[in-house]
Amino acid sequence: MTIAQAGAVPPLVRLLERPLAELREAGASALRMLATNNADNQVAVAHAGAIRPMVQLLYDETPSVREEAAAALGNLVFYNDETNAGNQAAIAEAGALQRLGVLLQDK
């Protein structure tokens, strides 16, 4: 929580839209870790606008970026159904479910 409270989430969200795959992957990875089992961070990540660009990363040409994005989205909805209902709805509305289904077959 200290990292999120220090204002690190918005810069990490901006990494999701950088041209270099390594930066997109690093941003998704860091947000995934911040969202792990921490409802406050999950809300902070969503409020910082991470969901839509994270869903876009599911279409990234780089497999490791797609993998980190999928894991981060999973962490944004996992932990507490009551806290994460808004995240679940936002991720579904952003079009992630169909793409995640396709990625299940991605080698």
N, C-alpha and C. Protein backbone atom coordinates (compact mmCIF):
# COMPACT_ATOMS: atom_id res chain seq x y z
N MET A 1 0.81 -1.19 0.00
CA MET A 1 0.00 0.00 0.00
C MET A 1 0.85 1.26 0.00
N THR A 2 2.02 1.17 0.58
CA THR A 2 2.90 2.34 0.64
C THR A 2 3.26 2.82 -0.76
N ILE A 3 3.48 1.89 -1.65
CA ILE A 3 3.83 2.25 -3.03
C ILE A 3 2.68 3.00 -3.69
N ALA A 4 1.47 2.47 -3.53
CA ALA A 4 0.30 3.12 -4.12
C ALA A 4 0.07 4.49 -3.48
N GLN A 5 0.21 4.56 -2.16
CA GLN A 5 0.00 5.83 -1.46
C GLN A 5 1.04 6.88 -1.83
N ALA A 6 2.21 6.42 -2.28
CA ALA A 6 3.27 7.35 -2.69
C ALA A 6 3.03 7.89 -4.10
N GLY A 7 1.97 7.45 -4.75
CA GLY A 7 1.64 7.98 -6.08
C GLY A 7 2.23 7.22 -7.24
N ALA A 8 2.65 5.98 -7.02
CA ALA A 8 3.31 5.22 -8.07
C ALA A 8 2.35 4.62 -9.10
N VAL A 9 1.07 4.52 -8.77
CA VAL A 9 0.15 3.84 -9.69
C VAL A 9 -0.03 4.59 -11.02
N PRO A 10 -0.32 5.88 -11.04
CA PRO A 10 -0.50 6.55 -12.34
C PRO A 10 0.71 6.43 -13.28
N PRO A 11 1.96 6.59 -12.81
CA PRO A 11 3.08 6.39 -13.74
C PRO A 11 3.16 4.95 -14.26
N LEU A 12 2.80 4.00 -13.42
CA LEU A 12 2.81 2.60 -13.89
C LEU A 12 1.73 2.38 -14.96
N VAL A 13 0.60 3.01 -14.79
CA VAL A 13 -0.47 2.91 -15.79
C VAL A 13 0.01 3.51 -17.11
N ARG A 14 0.74 4.60 -17.04
CA ARG A 14 1.25 5.22 -18.28
C ARG A 14 2.22 4.30 -19.02
N LEU A 15 2.91 3.44 -18.29
CA LEU A 15 3.83 2.48 -18.94
C LEU A 15 3.08 1.51 -19.85
N LEU A 16 1.81 1.27 -19.57
CA LEU A 16 1.03 0.31 -20.35
C LEU A 16 0.88 0.74 -21.81
N GLU A 17 1.07 2.01 -22.08
CA GLU A 17 0.89 2.53 -23.44
C GLU A 17 2.20 2.97 -24.09
N ARG A 18 3.31 2.57 -23.52
CA ARG A 18 4.61 2.93 -24.07
C ARG A 18 4.92 2.08 -25.31
N PRO A 19 5.76 2.58 -26.22
CA PRO A 19 6.07 1.83 -27.43
C PRO A 19 6.91 0.57 -27.20
N LEU A 20 7.76 0.56 -26.19
CA LEU A 20 8.62 -0.60 -25.96
C LEU A 20 7.88 -1.68 -25.18
N ALA A 21 7.91 -2.90 -25.70
CA ALA A 21 7.22 -4.02 -25.06
C ALA A 21 7.72 -4.24 -23.64
N GLU A 22 9.01 -4.04 -23.42
CA GLU A 22 9.57 -4.25 -22.08
C GLU A 22 8.94 -3.31 -21.06
N LEU A 23 8.65 -2.09 -21.48
CA LEU A 23 8.03 -1.13 -20.56
C LEU A 23 6.57 -1.49 -20.31
N ARG A 24 5.86 -1.92 -21.36
CA ARG A 24 4.47 -2.34 -21.17
C ARG A 24 4.40 -3.54 -20.24
N GLU A 25 5.31 -4.49 -20.45
CA GLU A 25 5.35 -5.67 -19.60
C GLU A 25 5.68 -5.30 -18.15
N ALA A 26 6.65 -4.42 -17.96
CA ALA A 26 7.04 -4.00 -16.61
C ALA A 26 5.89 -3.30 -15.90
N GLY A 27 5.18 -2.45 -16.62
CA GLY A 27 4.04 -1.76 -16.02
C GLY A 27 2.95 -2.73 -15.61
N ALA A 28 2.62 -3.66 -16.50
CA ALA A 28 1.58 -4.65 -16.19
C ALA A 28 2.01 -5.53 -15.03
N SER A 29 3.27 -5.92 -15.02
CA SER A 29 3.79 -6.77 -13.95
C SER A 29 3.73 -6.06 -12.59
N ALA A 30 4.16 -4.81 -12.56
CA ALA A 30 4.14 -4.06 -11.31
C ALA A 30 2.71 -3.86 -10.81
N LEU A 31 1.79 -3.55 -11.71
CA LEU A 31 0.39 -3.38 -11.31
C LEU A 31 -0.20 -4.71 -10.84
N ARG A 32 0.19 -5.79 -11.49
CA ARG A 32 -0.27 -7.12 -11.06
C ARG A 32 0.16 -7.38 -9.63
N MET A 33 1.42 -7.10 -9.34
CA MET A 33 1.93 -7.35 -7.99
C MET A 33 1.26 -6.44 -6.96
N LEU A 34 1.04 -5.18 -7.32
CA LEU A 34 0.37 -4.26 -6.39
C LEU A 34 -1.05 -4.72 -6.08
N ALA A 35 -1.72 -5.32 -7.07
CA ALA A 35 -3.11 -5.73 -6.91
C ALA A 35 -3.27 -7.08 -6.21
N THR A 36 -2.18 -7.79 -6.00
CA THR A 36 -2.26 -9.12 -5.42
C THR A 36 -2.75 -9.05 -3.98
N ASN A 37 -3.93 -9.62 -3.75
CA ASN A 37 -4.51 -9.74 -2.41
C ASN A 37 -4.56 -8.43 -1.63
N ASN A 38 -4.81 -7.34 -2.32
CA ASN A 38 -4.88 -6.04 -1.66
C ASN A 38 -6.02 -5.23 -2.28
N ALA A 39 -7.15 -5.24 -1.62
CA ALA A 39 -8.34 -4.58 -2.16
C ALA A 39 -8.13 -3.09 -2.36
N ASP A 40 -7.42 -2.44 -1.45
CA ASP A 40 -7.19 -0.99 -1.60
C ASP A 40 -6.38 -0.71 -2.86
N ASN A 41 -5.34 -1.50 -3.10
CA ASN A 41 -4.54 -1.30 -4.31
C ASN A 41 -5.33 -1.65 -5.56
N GLN A 42 -6.17 -2.66 -5.47
CA GLN A 42 -6.99 -3.03 -6.63
C GLN A 42 -7.89 -1.86 -7.03
N VAL A 43 -8.47 -1.22 -6.05
CA VAL A 43 -9.31 -0.06 -6.32
C VAL A 43 -8.47 1.09 -6.86
N ALA A 44 -7.30 1.31 -6.28
CA ALA A 44 -6.42 2.40 -6.73
C ALA A 44 -5.98 2.20 -8.17
N VAL A 45 -5.65 0.97 -8.53
CA VAL A 45 -5.23 0.67 -9.90
C VAL A 45 -6.38 0.94 -10.87
N ALA A 46 -7.57 0.49 -10.52
CA ALA A 46 -8.73 0.73 -11.38
C ALA A 46 -9.04 2.21 -11.50
N HIS A 47 -9.00 2.93 -10.39
CA HIS A 47 -9.30 4.37 -10.41
C HIS A 47 -8.25 5.17 -11.18
N ALA A 48 -7.06 4.62 -11.29
CA ALA A 48 -6.00 5.30 -12.06
C ALA A 48 -6.16 5.08 -13.56
N GLY A 49 -7.19 4.34 -13.95
CA GLY A 49 -7.46 4.15 -15.37
C GLY A 49 -6.72 3.00 -16.02
N ALA A 50 -6.36 2.00 -15.25
CA ALA A 50 -5.55 0.90 -15.79
C ALA A 50 -6.34 -0.14 -16.56
N ILE A 51 -7.64 -0.24 -16.32
CA ILE A 51 -8.38 -1.37 -16.90
C ILE A 51 -8.40 -1.33 -18.41
N ARG A 52 -8.78 -0.23 -19.00
CA ARG A 52 -8.90 -0.18 -20.47
C ARG A 52 -7.55 -0.43 -21.16
N PRO A 53 -6.46 0.24 -20.76
CA PRO A 53 -5.19 -0.06 -21.42
C PRO A 53 -4.71 -1.49 -21.14
N MET A 54 -5.05 -2.03 -19.97
CA MET A 54 -4.66 -3.40 -19.66
C MET A 54 -5.40 -4.37 -20.59
N VAL A 55 -6.66 -4.11 -20.84
CA VAL A 55 -7.42 -4.94 -21.77
C VAL A 55 -6.82 -4.83 -23.17
N GLN A 56 -6.40 -3.65 -23.57
CA GLN A 56 -5.77 -3.49 -24.88
C GLN A 56 -4.49 -4.32 -24.98
N LEU A 57 -3.79 -4.48 -23.86
CA LEU A 57 -2.56 -5.28 -23.87
C LEU A 57 -2.84 -6.76 -24.13
N LEU A 58 -4.07 -7.19 -23.96
CA LEU A 58 -4.41 -8.58 -24.29
C LEU A 58 -4.25 -8.84 -25.78
N TYR A 59 -4.17 -7.78 -26.58
CA TYR A 59 -3.98 -7.88 -28.03
C TYR A 59 -2.54 -7.59 -28.44
N ASP A 60 -1.67 -7.38 -27.48
CA ASP A 60 -0.28 -7.02 -27.77
C ASP A 60 0.40 -8.11 -28.58
N GLU A 61 1.34 -7.71 -29.42
CA GLU A 61 2.07 -8.66 -30.26
C GLU A 61 3.06 -9.51 -29.45
N THR A 62 3.42 -9.04 -28.27
CA THR A 62 4.42 -9.73 -27.45
C THR A 62 3.73 -10.65 -26.44
N PRO A 63 3.99 -11.95 -26.52
CA PRO A 63 3.30 -12.89 -25.62
C PRO A 63 3.46 -12.58 -24.14
N SER A 64 4.64 -12.16 -23.71
CA SER A 64 4.85 -11.91 -22.28
C SER A 64 4.03 -10.70 -21.81
N VAL A 65 3.79 -9.75 -22.70
CA VAL A 65 2.96 -8.59 -22.35
C VAL A 65 1.52 -9.06 -22.18
N ARG A 66 1.04 -9.89 -23.11
CA ARG A 66 -0.32 -10.43 -23.00
C ARG A 66 -0.49 -11.21 -21.70
N GLU A 67 0.53 -12.01 -21.37
CA GLU A 67 0.48 -12.83 -20.16
C GLU A 67 0.40 -11.97 -18.89
N GLU A 68 1.24 -10.94 -18.81
CA GLU A 68 1.22 -10.06 -17.64
C GLU A 68 -0.11 -9.30 -17.54
N ALA A 69 -0.62 -8.87 -18.68
CA ALA A 69 -1.89 -8.14 -18.67
C ALA A 69 -3.02 -9.04 -18.17
N ALA A 70 -3.06 -10.27 -18.66
CA ALA A 70 -4.10 -11.21 -18.22
C ALA A 70 -3.99 -11.48 -16.72
N ALA A 71 -2.76 -11.66 -16.24
CA ALA A 71 -2.56 -11.91 -14.81
C ALA A 71 -2.96 -10.70 -13.98
N ALA A 72 -2.62 -9.51 -14.45
CA ALA A 72 -2.97 -8.29 -13.72
C ALA A 72 -4.49 -8.13 -13.66
N LEU A 73 -5.17 -8.36 -14.77
CA LEU A 73 -6.63 -8.27 -14.77
C LEU A 73 -7.22 -9.28 -13.80
N GLY A 74 -6.65 -10.47 -13.77
CA GLY A 74 -7.11 -11.48 -12.82
C GLY A 74 -6.96 -11.02 -11.39
N ASN A 75 -5.84 -10.38 -11.09
CA ASN A 75 -5.62 -9.90 -9.73
C ASN A 75 -6.54 -8.72 -9.37
N LEU A 76 -6.97 -7.98 -10.38
CA LEU A 76 -7.88 -6.87 -10.12
C LEU A 76 -9.29 -7.33 -9.74
N VAL A 77 -9.63 -8.56 -10.06
CA VAL A 77 -10.97 -9.06 -9.73
C VAL A 77 -10.96 -10.08 -8.61
N PHE A 78 -9.81 -10.57 -8.24
CA PHE A 78 -9.70 -11.62 -7.23
C PHE A 78 -9.44 -11.02 -5.86
N TYR A 79 -10.00 -11.59 -4.84
CA TYR A 79 -9.75 -11.27 -3.43
C TYR A 79 -11.06 -11.09 -2.69
N ASN A 80 -11.89 -10.17 -3.11
CA ASN A 80 -13.12 -9.88 -2.39
C ASN A 80 -14.18 -9.48 -3.40
N ASP A 81 -15.19 -10.33 -3.57
CA ASP A 81 -16.22 -10.06 -4.57
C ASP A 81 -16.94 -8.73 -4.35
N GLU A 82 -17.18 -8.37 -3.10
CA GLU A 82 -17.87 -7.11 -2.84
C GLU A 82 -17.03 -5.91 -3.25
N THR A 83 -15.75 -5.94 -2.91
CA THR A 83 -14.85 -4.84 -3.25
C THR A 83 -14.62 -4.76 -4.75
N ASN A 84 -14.55 -5.91 -5.39
CA ASN A 84 -14.14 -5.96 -6.78
C ASN A 84 -15.29 -6.03 -7.79
N ALA A 85 -16.51 -5.90 -7.34
CA ALA A 85 -17.64 -5.95 -8.28
C ALA A 85 -17.49 -4.88 -9.36
N GLY A 86 -17.05 -3.70 -8.97
CA GLY A 86 -16.86 -2.63 -9.96
C GLY A 86 -15.75 -2.97 -10.94
N ASN A 87 -14.67 -3.55 -10.45
CA ASN A 87 -13.57 -3.95 -11.34
C ASN A 87 -14.05 -5.04 -12.29
N GLN A 88 -14.79 -6.00 -11.76
CA GLN A 88 -15.29 -7.09 -12.61
C GLN A 88 -16.15 -6.54 -13.74
N ALA A 89 -17.06 -5.63 -13.41
CA ALA A 89 -17.93 -5.05 -14.42
C ALA A 89 -17.13 -4.22 -15.42
N ALA A 90 -16.18 -3.43 -14.95
CA ALA A 90 -15.39 -2.58 -15.84
C ALA A 90 -14.55 -3.43 -16.80
N ILE A 91 -14.00 -4.51 -16.31
CA ILE A 91 -13.19 -5.39 -17.17
C ILE A 91 -14.07 -6.04 -18.21
N ALA A 92 -15.25 -6.50 -17.82
CA ALA A 92 -16.18 -7.10 -18.78
C ALA A 92 -16.62 -6.06 -19.82
N GLU A 93 -16.95 -4.85 -19.36
CA GLU A 93 -17.40 -3.79 -20.28
C GLU A 93 -16.30 -3.36 -21.24
N ALA A 94 -15.05 -3.51 -20.83
CA ALA A 94 -13.92 -3.13 -21.70
C ALA A 94 -13.64 -4.21 -22.75
N GLY A 95 -14.38 -5.30 -22.70
CA GLY A 95 -14.24 -6.33 -23.74
C GLY A 95 -13.22 -7.41 -23.45
N ALA A 96 -12.84 -7.59 -22.21
CA ALA A 96 -11.78 -8.54 -21.89
C ALA A 96 -12.20 -9.99 -21.96
N LEU A 97 -13.45 -10.29 -21.67
CA LEU A 97 -13.85 -11.69 -21.52
C LEU A 97 -13.67 -12.51 -22.80
N GLN A 98 -14.11 -11.97 -23.92
CA GLN A 98 -13.96 -12.70 -25.17
C GLN A 98 -12.48 -12.89 -25.50
N ARG A 99 -11.70 -11.85 -25.33
CA ARG A 99 -10.27 -11.94 -25.64
C ARG A 99 -9.56 -12.92 -24.70
N LEU A 100 -9.92 -12.92 -23.43
CA LEU A 100 -9.32 -13.87 -22.50
C LEU A 100 -9.65 -15.30 -22.90
N GLY A 101 -10.86 -15.51 -23.40
CA GLY A 101 -11.22 -16.83 -23.89
C GLY A 101 -10.34 -17.26 -25.05
N VAL A 102 -10.06 -16.35 -25.95
CA VAL A 102 -9.17 -16.65 -27.09
C VAL A 102 -7.76 -16.93 -26.59
N LEU A 103 -7.31 -16.16 -25.60
CA LEU A 103 -5.94 -16.34 -25.10
C LEU A 103 -5.74 -17.67 -24.38
N LEU A 104 -6.81 -18.28 -23.92
CA LEU A 104 -6.68 -19.59 -23.29
C LEU A 104 -6.12 -20.62 -24.27
N GLN A 105 -6.26 -20.35 -25.55
CA GLN A 105 -5.75 -21.24 -26.58
C GLN A 105 -4.45 -20.75 -27.20
N ASP A 106 -3.93 -19.63 -26.68
CA ASP A 106 -2.68 -19.04 -27.18
C ASP A 106 -1.49 -19.87 -26.71
N LYS A 107 -0.66 -20.28 -27.64
CA LYS A 107 0.51 -21.09 -27.28
C LYS A 107 1.52 -20.26 -26.56
